[in-house]
C-alpha cells in the first residue's frame, strides 16, 4: 500500500510532463501543415534552369 503513495505522484508528474510537451508542440506549430510534408515526399520539385 505504501508503494501507491510513491507511484501515484510519479505517474501524475509524468502525465503532466507529457501534457506540457504536447501543449508546447502545439504552440510551436509542429502540427500546422500535415498535408504539405506528405505531398513533398511524393512529388519532385520542378527544376529551375
N, C-alpha and C. Protein backbone atom coordinates (compact mmCIF):
# COMPACT_ATOMS: atom_id res chain seq x y z
N UNK A 1 0.82 -1.20 0.00
CA UNK A 1 0.00 0.00 0.00
C UNK A 1 0.86 1.26 0.00
N UNK A 2 2.01 1.22 0.64
CA UNK A 2 2.87 2.40 0.65
C UNK A 2 3.50 2.66 -0.72
N UNK A 3 3.56 1.61 -1.53
CA UNK A 3 4.09 1.77 -2.89
C UNK A 3 3.19 2.71 -3.69
N UNK A 4 1.88 2.64 -3.46
CA UNK A 4 0.96 3.52 -4.16
C UNK A 4 1.19 4.99 -3.82
N UNK A 5 1.63 5.25 -2.61
CA UNK A 5 1.92 6.63 -2.21
C UNK A 5 3.12 7.20 -2.98
N UNK A 6 3.92 6.33 -3.53
CA UNK A 6 5.07 6.77 -4.34
C UNK A 6 4.71 6.76 -5.82
N UNK A 7 4.04 5.72 -6.28
CA UNK A 7 3.77 5.56 -7.71
C UNK A 7 2.73 6.53 -8.24
N UNK A 8 1.71 6.85 -7.47
CA UNK A 8 0.67 7.76 -7.96
C UNK A 8 1.23 9.16 -8.21
N UNK A 9 1.98 9.77 -7.29
CA UNK A 9 2.57 11.08 -7.61
C UNK A 9 3.54 11.04 -8.79
N UNK A 10 4.30 9.96 -8.91
CA UNK A 10 5.22 9.84 -10.04
C UNK A 10 4.43 9.78 -11.34
N UNK A 11 3.34 9.01 -11.36
CA UNK A 11 2.52 8.92 -12.57
C UNK A 11 1.89 10.26 -12.90
N UNK A 12 1.45 11.00 -11.90
CA UNK A 12 0.87 12.32 -12.15
C UNK A 12 1.90 13.31 -12.69
N UNK A 13 3.10 13.26 -12.17
CA UNK A 13 4.17 14.15 -12.66
C UNK A 13 4.53 13.81 -14.10
N UNK A 14 4.67 12.52 -14.40
CA UNK A 14 4.99 12.12 -15.77
C UNK A 14 3.87 12.47 -16.74
N UNK A 15 2.63 12.30 -16.32
CA UNK A 15 1.50 12.70 -17.16
C UNK A 15 1.48 14.20 -17.39
N UNK A 16 1.79 14.97 -16.35
CA UNK A 16 1.86 16.42 -16.50
C UNK A 16 2.97 16.85 -17.45
N UNK A 17 4.11 16.18 -17.37
CA UNK A 17 5.21 16.48 -18.29
C UNK A 17 4.83 16.16 -19.73
N UNK A 18 4.15 15.04 -19.92
CA UNK A 18 3.69 14.69 -21.27
C UNK A 18 2.70 15.71 -21.80
N UNK A 19 1.79 16.16 -20.95
CA UNK A 19 0.83 17.17 -21.36
C UNK A 19 1.51 18.49 -21.70
N UNK A 20 2.48 18.89 -20.90
CA UNK A 20 3.23 20.11 -21.18
C UNK A 20 4.00 20.00 -22.50
N UNK A 21 4.59 18.86 -22.77
CA UNK A 21 5.31 18.66 -24.03
C UNK A 21 4.36 18.73 -25.21
N UNK A 22 3.18 18.15 -25.07
CA UNK A 22 2.19 18.19 -26.15
C UNK A 22 1.71 19.62 -26.40
N UNK A 23 1.41 20.35 -25.33
CA UNK A 23 0.96 21.74 -25.49
C UNK A 23 2.06 22.61 -26.09
N UNK A 24 3.32 22.36 -25.71
CA UNK A 24 4.42 23.11 -26.29
C UNK A 24 4.53 22.83 -27.79
N UNK A 25 4.34 21.56 -28.19
CA UNK A 25 4.43 21.23 -29.62
C UNK A 25 3.29 21.88 -30.40
N UNK A 26 2.12 21.98 -29.80
CA UNK A 26 1.01 22.68 -30.47
C UNK A 26 1.33 24.16 -30.62
N UNK A 27 1.88 24.76 -29.57
CA UNK A 27 2.17 26.19 -29.57
C UNK A 27 3.29 26.54 -30.55
N UNK A 28 4.24 25.64 -30.73
CA UNK A 28 5.37 25.92 -31.61
C UNK A 28 5.08 25.60 -33.06
N UNK A 29 3.87 25.09 -33.37
CA UNK A 29 3.48 24.89 -34.76
C UNK A 29 3.90 23.57 -35.37
N UNK A 30 4.08 22.55 -34.58
CA UNK A 30 4.50 21.25 -35.11
C UNK A 30 3.44 20.59 -35.98
N UNK A 31 2.17 20.94 -35.77
CA UNK A 31 1.08 20.27 -36.47
C UNK A 31 0.38 21.19 -37.46
N UNK A 32 1.04 22.24 -37.92
CA UNK A 32 0.40 23.22 -38.79
C UNK A 32 0.12 22.66 -40.19
N UNK A 33 1.09 22.03 -40.81
CA UNK A 33 0.94 21.59 -42.20
C UNK A 33 1.18 20.09 -42.30
N UNK A 34 0.14 19.31 -42.08
CA UNK A 34 0.30 17.86 -42.13
C UNK A 34 0.28 17.32 -43.56
N UNK A 35 -0.43 17.98 -44.47
CA UNK A 35 -0.54 17.50 -45.84
C UNK A 35 0.67 17.90 -46.69
N UNK A 36 1.28 19.03 -46.40
CA UNK A 36 2.39 19.52 -47.21
C UNK A 36 3.58 18.58 -47.21
N UNK A 37 3.93 18.05 -46.06
CA UNK A 37 5.09 17.16 -45.98
C UNK A 37 4.82 15.87 -46.76
N UNK A 38 3.61 15.37 -46.71
CA UNK A 38 3.29 14.14 -47.44
C UNK A 38 3.37 14.37 -48.95
N UNK A 39 2.93 15.51 -49.40
CA UNK A 39 2.99 15.80 -50.84
C UNK A 39 4.42 16.06 -51.31
N UNK A 40 5.23 16.70 -50.48
CA UNK A 40 6.61 16.97 -50.85
C UNK A 40 7.41 15.69 -51.03
N UNK A 41 7.06 14.65 -50.31
CA UNK A 41 7.77 13.38 -50.45
C UNK A 41 7.44 12.72 -51.79
N UNK A 42 6.17 12.83 -52.20
CA UNK A 42 5.72 12.11 -53.40
C UNK A 42 6.07 12.80 -54.71
N UNK A 43 6.14 14.11 -54.73
CA UNK A 43 6.34 14.84 -55.98
C UNK A 43 7.66 15.58 -55.97
N UNK A 44 8.35 15.52 -57.11
CA UNK A 44 9.60 16.25 -57.26
C UNK A 44 9.32 17.71 -57.50
N UNK A 45 10.25 18.54 -57.06
CA UNK A 45 10.16 19.96 -57.35
C UNK A 45 10.55 20.21 -58.80
N UNK A 46 9.88 21.12 -59.49
CA UNK A 46 10.32 21.43 -60.86
C UNK A 46 11.69 22.07 -60.83
N UNK A 47 12.51 21.67 -61.78
CA UNK A 47 13.87 22.21 -61.83
C UNK A 47 13.85 23.60 -62.44
N UNK A 48 14.52 24.52 -61.78
CA UNK A 48 14.63 25.90 -62.28
C UNK A 48 15.93 26.03 -63.06
N UNK A 49 15.85 25.94 -64.39
CA UNK A 49 17.08 26.09 -65.17
C UNK A 49 16.86 26.96 -66.37
